[in-house]
Amino acid sequence: MTASSGQLKSTVSARKAIPILIAAAWLAAAAIAQGDATPTTASECDHLPPTDLRRICASGKLVVARYRGERPPFFTEIASRDRWATTEQAWQGFDVDLARDIAKRLGVTYEARLADSFDEVVELVATRQADLGLSKLSITLARSQRVRFTSPYMTVYQTLLINRLAAPKQEDPFVFLNRANARVGALEGSSYIEYAANVFPAADLAPYTDFEQMMVDVAENRLDAALVDSARANTWRQSNPQLLINVRAFIARDRKDSLAMAVNWEDTHLLAWLDLYLDSIRDDGSAAALFGEWFRADGSEGGE
């Protein structure tokens, strides 16, 4: 794929124009890389301006922060019969493929750095323990105080998994459950804790560390509802059809949030390159092909 300034969309702001033009030249040069990238040497990076991209080039690797748990189809662990396989070769998914492709196009290798929560992914980027956060991350105001986000690469929706006895089907549960004595659960360390506090200020918010336990409590009517993303809701419903007699899903199509990559607030050159990269894979059909591969089964989206 060859990128040039002519590919830039009209919505790119003027303040990004100069770094994006530089990024376009680097993207075009890196696009010739095939398969696993060969580690670079410092002299091979001399053509780059002294910015974040030169730092990544000189290191020979792109360090990508990701949550250590599984979130299919974004990232999931696979059984490997190859005893020589690295830890990261045992993972697959939409975000894993995206991270590998970004590293390949930059001409460097890919290294994953795992975090114990989604908020910790952001913190690893903010403290320069990772170059990039690519981990099914939702953009929030709180996180945006710590890092910069790329343009979104996926649209997501807030979803309630509701005990059927907790809210009448004819009622909007986002309205009905915002009352005293209603109990709404959300996962700690995810953006949905912040969303739940904002959406249900009158309800009792129940933070959970264990998603499966949260859903058991919903099914057994100890919790009125759980606020999750549409992908997680869909995966759970497919895996637990026996519980659907007790639990229903309500996808709020008017409550969008955005899934994006995070970079350190100083890394404006990398940010411009990534935005150009996202435009490029949308234009050449790569993004649609990748989405079709990983979301063919359920067609849903979701962020944390």
Protein backbone atom coordinates (compact mmCIF):
# COMPACT_ATOMS: atom_id res chain seq x y z
CA MET A 1 0.00 0.00 0.00
CA THR A 2 1.34 3.46 -0.87
CA ALA A 3 0.21 6.48 1.12
CA SER A 4 0.51 10.15 0.15
CA SER A 5 -0.90 13.43 1.33
CA GLY A 6 -3.57 13.14 -1.35
CA GLN A 7 -5.16 10.34 0.68
CA LEU A 8 -5.81 12.58 3.62
CA LYS A 9 -9.47 13.14 4.33
CA SER A 10 -10.87 16.64 4.34
CA THR A 11 -11.73 16.30 8.01
CA VAL A 12 -8.08 16.23 9.11
CA SER A 13 -7.43 19.50 10.90
CA ALA A 14 -4.84 22.01 9.77
CA ARG A 15 -2.85 21.63 12.97
CA LYS A 16 -2.08 18.00 12.05
CA ALA A 17 -1.12 18.71 8.45
CA ILE A 18 2.66 18.99 8.86
CA PRO A 19 3.17 15.85 11.00
CA ILE A 20 0.79 13.89 8.75
CA LEU A 21 2.76 14.80 5.63
CA ILE A 22 5.91 13.53 7.32
CA ALA A 23 4.03 10.45 8.49
CA ALA A 24 2.81 9.74 4.95
CA ALA A 25 6.35 9.44 3.65
CA TRP A 26 7.28 7.07 6.49
CA LEU A 27 4.13 4.99 5.91
CA ALA A 28 4.92 4.64 2.21
CA ALA A 29 8.46 3.48 2.94
CA ALA A 30 7.39 1.05 5.64
CA ALA A 31 4.62 -0.48 3.53
CA ILE A 32 7.14 -2.56 1.54
CA ALA A 33 7.76 -4.71 4.62
CA GLN A 34 6.36 -8.22 4.28
CA GLY A 35 5.86 -10.78 7.05
CA ASP A 36 7.81 -10.24 10.27
CA ALA A 37 9.82 -7.08 10.22
CA THR A 38 13.62 -7.22 10.48
CA PRO A 39 14.87 -5.22 13.49
CA THR A 40 16.28 -1.88 12.46
CA THR A 41 19.57 -0.25 13.34
CA ALA A 42 20.04 3.34 14.50
CA SER A 43 21.63 4.36 11.18
CA GLU A 44 18.57 3.12 9.28
CA CYS A 45 16.45 5.63 11.21
CA ASP A 46 18.53 8.73 10.38
CA HIS A 47 16.11 9.79 7.64
CA LEU A 48 13.38 10.34 10.25
CA PRO A 49 13.00 13.59 12.15
CA PRO A 50 13.94 13.35 15.86
CA THR A 51 10.44 12.43 16.99
CA ASP A 52 8.62 9.47 18.52
CA LEU A 53 8.76 7.54 15.24
CA ARG A 54 12.56 7.70 15.23
CA ARG A 55 12.57 6.43 18.81
CA ILE A 56 10.42 3.44 17.82
CA CYS A 57 12.49 2.83 14.70
CA ALA A 58 15.76 2.91 16.66
CA SER A 59 14.42 0.51 19.29
CA GLY A 60 13.42 -1.94 16.56
CA LYS A 61 10.11 -2.76 18.23
CA LEU A 62 6.64 -1.40 18.91
CA VAL A 63 5.57 -2.04 22.51
CA VAL A 64 1.78 -2.44 22.64
CA ALA A 65 -0.13 -2.45 25.92
CA ARG A 66 -3.08 -4.83 26.19
CA TYR A 67 -5.32 -6.20 28.92
CA ARG A 68 -4.08 -9.64 30.00
CA GLY A 69 -7.50 -11.31 30.01
CA GLU A 70 -9.43 -12.59 27.01
CA ARG A 71 -11.98 -10.49 25.15
CA PRO A 72 -12.97 -12.46 22.03
CA PRO A 73 -12.97 -11.66 19.20
CA PHE A 74 -10.60 -8.75 19.99
CA PHE A 75 -7.95 -10.86 21.70
CA THR A 76 -8.11 -14.44 22.84
CA GLU A 77 -5.59 -17.11 23.79
CA ILE A 78 -5.21 -20.13 21.53
CA ALA A 79 -3.74 -23.55 22.26
CA SER A 80 -0.36 -23.91 20.57
CA ARG A 81 1.32 -27.25 19.87
CA ASP A 82 4.56 -25.47 19.00
CA ARG A 83 6.72 -25.63 22.13
CA TRP A 84 8.92 -22.90 20.63
CA ALA A 85 6.04 -20.48 20.22
CA THR A 86 6.35 -17.22 22.10
CA THR A 87 3.66 -16.14 24.55
CA GLU A 88 2.31 -13.59 22.08
CA GLN A 89 2.14 -16.15 19.25
CA ALA A 90 -0.46 -17.94 21.37
CA TRP A 91 -2.88 -15.00 21.01
CA GLN A 92 -5.16 -14.04 18.16
CA GLY A 93 -7.98 -11.61 17.43
CA PHE A 94 -8.92 -8.33 15.80
CA ASP A 95 -6.73 -6.11 18.00
CA VAL A 96 -3.81 -8.56 17.85
CA ASP A 97 -3.87 -8.58 14.04
CA LEU A 98 -4.17 -4.80 13.96
CA ALA A 99 -1.16 -4.37 16.27
CA ARG A 100 0.96 -6.78 14.23
CA ASP A 101 0.08 -4.99 11.00
CA ILE A 102 0.96 -1.58 12.47
CA ALA A 103 4.37 -2.88 13.59
CA LYS A 104 5.00 -4.47 10.21
CA ARG A 105 4.20 -1.25 8.36
CA LEU A 106 6.50 0.66 10.70
CA GLY A 107 9.25 -1.84 9.87
CA VAL A 108 9.71 -3.03 13.45
CA THR A 109 8.81 -6.07 15.54
CA TYR A 110 5.78 -6.27 17.80
CA GLU A 111 5.95 -6.77 21.55
CA ALA A 112 2.92 -7.01 23.85
CA ARG A 113 2.94 -5.63 27.38
CA LEU A 114 0.06 -6.94 29.48
CA ALA A 115 -1.95 -4.97 32.03
CA ASP A 116 -4.24 -6.04 34.86
CA SER A 117 -7.06 -3.70 33.82
CA PHE A 118 -8.08 -1.50 30.91
CA ASP A 119 -7.28 1.60 32.91
CA GLU A 120 -3.80 0.18 33.52
CA VAL A 121 -3.36 -0.11 29.74
CA VAL A 122 -3.82 3.65 29.59
CA GLU A 123 -1.40 4.14 32.48
CA LEU A 124 1.32 2.07 30.77
CA VAL A 125 1.09 4.39 27.78
CA ALA A 126 0.95 7.54 29.90
CA THR A 127 4.12 6.53 31.78
CA ARG A 128 5.98 5.44 28.61
CA GLN A 129 6.08 1.77 29.52
CA ALA A 130 4.38 1.14 26.16
CA ASP A 131 4.33 3.01 22.84
CA LEU A 132 0.70 2.22 22.08
CA GLY A 133 -2.45 1.09 23.86
CA LEU A 134 -4.48 -1.21 21.61
CA SER A 135 -6.86 -3.17 23.79
CA LYS A 136 -10.54 -2.67 23.00
CA LEU A 137 -10.25 0.74 24.66
CA SER A 138 -13.19 3.10 24.90
CA ILE A 139 -12.45 6.81 24.86
CA THR A 140 -13.44 8.54 28.09
CA LEU A 141 -12.90 12.05 29.40
CA ALA A 142 -10.89 10.73 32.33
CA ARG A 143 -8.55 8.71 30.11
CA SER A 144 -8.16 11.63 27.72
CA GLN A 145 -6.59 13.58 30.57
CA ARG A 146 -3.73 11.05 30.59
CA VAL A 147 -3.20 10.14 26.91
CA ARG A 148 -4.14 11.11 23.37
CA PHE A 149 -6.50 8.93 21.33
CA THR A 150 -6.49 8.21 17.63
CA SER A 151 -9.61 8.59 15.54
CA PRO A 152 -12.00 5.71 16.37
CA TYR A 153 -11.55 2.42 14.55
CA MET A 154 -14.89 0.95 15.66
CA THR A 155 -18.30 2.12 16.86
CA VAL A 156 -19.51 0.62 20.12
CA TYR A 157 -22.78 0.60 22.05
CA GLN A 158 -23.69 0.45 25.71
CA THR A 159 -25.77 -2.63 26.52
CA LEU A 160 -27.75 -3.72 29.55
CA LEU A 161 -28.07 -7.40 30.42
CA ILE A 162 -31.22 -7.30 32.55
CA ASN A 163 -33.00 -9.75 34.79
CA ARG A 164 -36.40 -10.18 33.17
CA LEU A 165 -38.18 -9.50 36.46
CA ALA A 166 -36.27 -6.26 37.12
CA ALA A 167 -37.69 -4.02 34.40
CA PRO A 168 -40.87 -4.26 32.30
CA LYS A 169 -40.09 -4.89 28.66
CA GLN A 170 -42.18 -1.93 27.53
CA GLU A 171 -40.06 0.46 29.62
CA ASP A 172 -36.71 1.97 28.61
CA PRO A 173 -34.43 0.24 31.15
CA PHE A 174 -31.93 3.10 31.06
CA VAL A 175 -34.72 5.28 32.48
CA PHE A 176 -36.52 2.70 34.63
CA LEU A 177 -33.38 1.50 36.47
CA ASN A 178 -32.24 5.00 37.38
CA ARG A 179 -34.02 4.88 40.75
CA ALA A 180 -33.33 4.19 44.38
CA ASN A 181 -33.01 0.50 45.29
CA ALA A 182 -32.12 -0.52 41.71
CA ARG A 183 -28.77 -2.35 41.55
CA VAL A 184 -26.64 -2.06 38.42
CA GLY A 185 -23.30 -3.84 38.02
CA ALA A 186 -20.21 -2.98 35.96
CA LEU A 187 -16.65 -4.27 35.74
CA GLU A 188 -13.97 -2.51 37.75
CA GLY A 189 -11.11 -1.01 35.74
CA SER A 190 -13.30 -0.59 32.66
CA SER A 191 -14.96 2.47 31.16
CA TYR A 192 -18.35 1.00 32.09
CA ILE A 193 -17.87 1.91 35.75
CA GLU A 194 -17.71 5.56 34.66
CA TYR A 195 -20.64 5.11 32.26
CA ALA A 196 -22.80 3.43 34.92
CA ALA A 197 -22.13 6.18 37.46
CA ASN A 198 -23.17 8.81 34.90
CA VAL A 199 -26.19 6.98 33.50
CA PHE A 200 -27.61 5.63 36.78
CA PRO A 201 -26.80 8.27 39.43
CA ALA A 202 -29.84 7.33 41.54
CA ALA A 203 -29.19 3.56 41.49
CA ASP A 204 -26.82 1.50 43.61
CA LEU A 205 -23.66 0.84 41.56
CA ALA A 206 -22.11 -2.58 42.17
CA PRO A 207 -18.49 -2.89 40.96
CA TYR A 208 -17.39 -6.42 39.99
CA THR A 209 -14.00 -7.95 39.27
CA ASP A 210 -15.50 -11.18 37.91
CA PHE A 211 -17.75 -10.90 34.85
CA GLU A 212 -19.15 -14.43 35.19
CA GLN A 213 -20.12 -13.86 38.84
CA MET A 214 -21.80 -10.60 37.85
CA MET A 215 -23.90 -12.44 35.29
CA VAL A 216 -24.80 -15.21 37.76
CA ASP A 217 -26.07 -12.49 40.09
CA VAL A 218 -28.16 -10.97 37.29
CA ALA A 219 -29.61 -14.37 36.33
CA GLU A 220 -30.46 -15.17 39.97
CA ASN A 221 -32.02 -11.72 40.56
CA ARG A 222 -29.43 -10.51 43.08
CA LEU A 223 -28.55 -7.79 40.60
CA ASP A 224 -31.09 -5.98 38.41
CA ALA A 225 -28.79 -5.47 35.44
CA ALA A 226 -25.18 -5.34 34.24
CA LEU A 227 -23.90 -2.55 32.00
CA VAL A 228 -21.52 -4.01 29.41
CA ASP A 229 -20.62 -3.53 25.75
CA SER A 230 -22.49 -5.11 22.87
CA ALA A 231 -19.73 -7.56 21.95
CA ARG A 232 -19.40 -8.88 25.49
CA ALA A 233 -23.17 -9.16 25.76
CA ASN A 234 -23.42 -11.08 22.50
CA THR A 235 -20.59 -13.47 23.42
CA TRP A 236 -22.18 -14.19 26.79
CA ARG A 237 -25.60 -14.82 25.26
CA GLN A 238 -24.13 -17.29 22.75
CA SER A 239 -22.26 -19.13 25.52
CA ASN A 240 -25.16 -19.22 28.01
CA PRO A 241 -28.40 -19.92 26.11
CA GLN A 242 -29.85 -21.72 29.17
CA LEU A 243 -29.83 -18.43 31.12
CA LEU A 244 -31.70 -16.39 28.53
CA ILE A 245 -34.98 -17.41 30.12
CA ASN A 246 -33.93 -15.15 33.02
CA VAL A 247 -31.83 -12.49 31.26
CA ARG A 248 -32.51 -10.27 28.27
CA ALA A 249 -30.28 -7.79 26.45
CA PHE A 250 -31.07 -4.17 25.64
CA ILE A 251 -28.64 -2.51 23.20
CA ALA A 252 -28.82 1.27 23.38
CA ARG A 253 -28.14 2.30 19.78
CA ASP A 254 -28.32 5.95 20.81
CA ARG A 255 -25.55 5.47 23.40
CA LYS A 256 -22.45 5.19 21.28
CA ASP A 257 -18.92 5.33 22.50
CA SER A 258 -15.72 5.06 20.49
CA LEU A 259 -13.01 2.42 20.35
CA ALA A 260 -9.55 3.85 19.67
CA MET A 261 -5.82 3.47 20.22
CA ALA A 262 -3.98 5.43 22.92
CA VAL A 263 -0.57 7.11 22.63
CA ASN A 264 1.47 9.21 25.02
CA TRP A 265 0.33 12.85 25.00
CA GLU A 266 3.71 13.97 23.59
CA ASP A 267 3.74 11.49 20.68
CA THR A 268 2.04 13.68 18.10
CA HIS A 269 4.00 12.26 15.14
CA LEU A 270 2.95 8.71 16.00
CA LEU A 271 -0.63 9.90 16.50
CA ALA A 272 -0.66 11.49 13.03
CA TRP A 273 0.83 8.34 11.49
CA LEU A 274 -1.80 6.14 13.14
CA ASP A 275 -4.66 8.35 11.98
CA LEU A 276 -3.27 8.19 8.44
CA TYR A 277 -2.89 4.42 8.79
CA LEU A 278 -6.55 4.07 9.81
CA ASP A 279 -7.63 6.20 6.85
CA SER A 280 -5.46 4.08 4.55
CA ILE A 281 -6.82 0.69 5.63
CA ARG A 282 -10.37 2.00 5.37
CA ASP A 283 -9.71 3.26 1.84
CA ASP A 284 -8.01 0.09 0.55
CA GLY A 285 -10.54 -2.32 2.13
CA SER A 286 -8.12 -3.87 4.65
CA ALA A 287 -10.18 -2.70 7.61
CA ALA A 288 -13.40 -4.18 6.21
CA ALA A 289 -11.65 -7.49 5.48
CA LEU A 290 -10.23 -7.67 9.01
CA PHE A 291 -13.61 -6.81 10.52
CA GLY A 292 -15.30 -9.45 8.38
CA GLU A 293 -12.83 -12.10 9.50
CA TRP A 294 -13.26 -11.56 13.23
CA PHE A 295 -16.85 -10.34 13.51
CA ARG A 296 -18.44 -12.56 10.88
CA ALA A 297 -20.03 -14.77 13.55
CA ASP A 298 -21.71 -12.13 15.66
CA GLY A 299 -21.39 -8.78 13.88
CA SER A 300 -21.33 -6.92 17.18
CA GLU A 301 -18.97 -4.39 18.66
CA GLY A 302 -17.97 -3.31 22.11
CA GLY A 303 -15.41 -1.38 24.07
CA GLU A 304 -13.97 -1.20 27.57
